[in-house]
Structure formats: structure tokens, C-alpha cells
Amino acid sequence: MRRVLEKKDVHRRSKFRMPRQSSSIFAVSRPEIPVQSRPPSSIPARIFASCLTSVLVAVHYTNFGPLIPTLITDIHINSGQAGLFSTFLFLGLAVMYIPAGILADRYGQRPVLIGSSIILVLGGILLPLFPNLVWVLACRFIVGLGSGAA
């Protein structure tokens, strides 16, 4: 059985509602401000957050080229093992691309971007604390996970 919608049902279910007129004689009329004319207050903060995330991701992509000779002597690894730094970063990127898209669709872009930035910074902070190749590669993978979601 199909139910025929009455005129009042159509207006009740609509996403876009018209402002109701007050029936009180004491109602104060106030002008309605259209949404388009209101200045958004958080646009500078959003632009700053986007730029900061882009810089964090770019720094982790490019900062290991000049450091490889120093890392080879400090961690006592060869050049093949030093090449794993980029491999683990891009492996983390590849692992996180699809789940990050699903999470962004489900929870929104803002929480995913904030979480990925936290993961990215956490991996970057932990990276110089470990003098072992396995832990450095694990931190590079964590940085890749954060970069993949950003």
C-alpha cells in the first residue's frame, strides 16, 4: 500500500525548511542572514592545517637522501639496507590508501586527517630514538601509514 503524502508531510521531510512566521504579536522580527553572506571563521585554520600536513608529508619523502651516508656509518648498515628506508615508507603508503578512504567516507575527512597527522608526527618523533635498523624501518612504515591517510 502506498501512502499519499499530504502537503504538510512534504514540508516536514524536506531538508530545506522555510523560516516559520511567528503568530505572536510580541515577536521581535530579526532579519534572516543568508548562509552565503556569513564569513567563515575557520578558513585560515583549515588552510594552515592543510599546508602543515602537506609540508610534513613532503619532509618525510625527501629528508632521507642527504642523511643516508650518516645513517650508514651510525647504524652500521650497507647501502642496500639504506634503500629499505624508502621501501618501507612507500609500503606504508600503499597499505593505508584504501583504508583511509573508507575511514574518510565513514567518519569524515577531518578526523582522518587529524589522526593521520598524529601518526605521521609520532613516527617522525620516534625515528631518531632507535639506533636499530628494524625499529627505524618500523618507524618509516608508521610514517608511511600516516602519509597514506593524509
Foldseek 3Di string as FASTA:
>chain_A
DDDDDDPVNVQVPDPDHDDDDDPDPPDDDDDDDDPVPDDDPCPVVVVVLVVVLVVLLVCLQPVCPVCLVVLCVQLVDDVVLSVLLNVLLVVLLVVQQVVLVVCCVVPNLVVLLVVLVVQLVVLVVCQVVDSHSVVNSVSSNSNSNSNNND
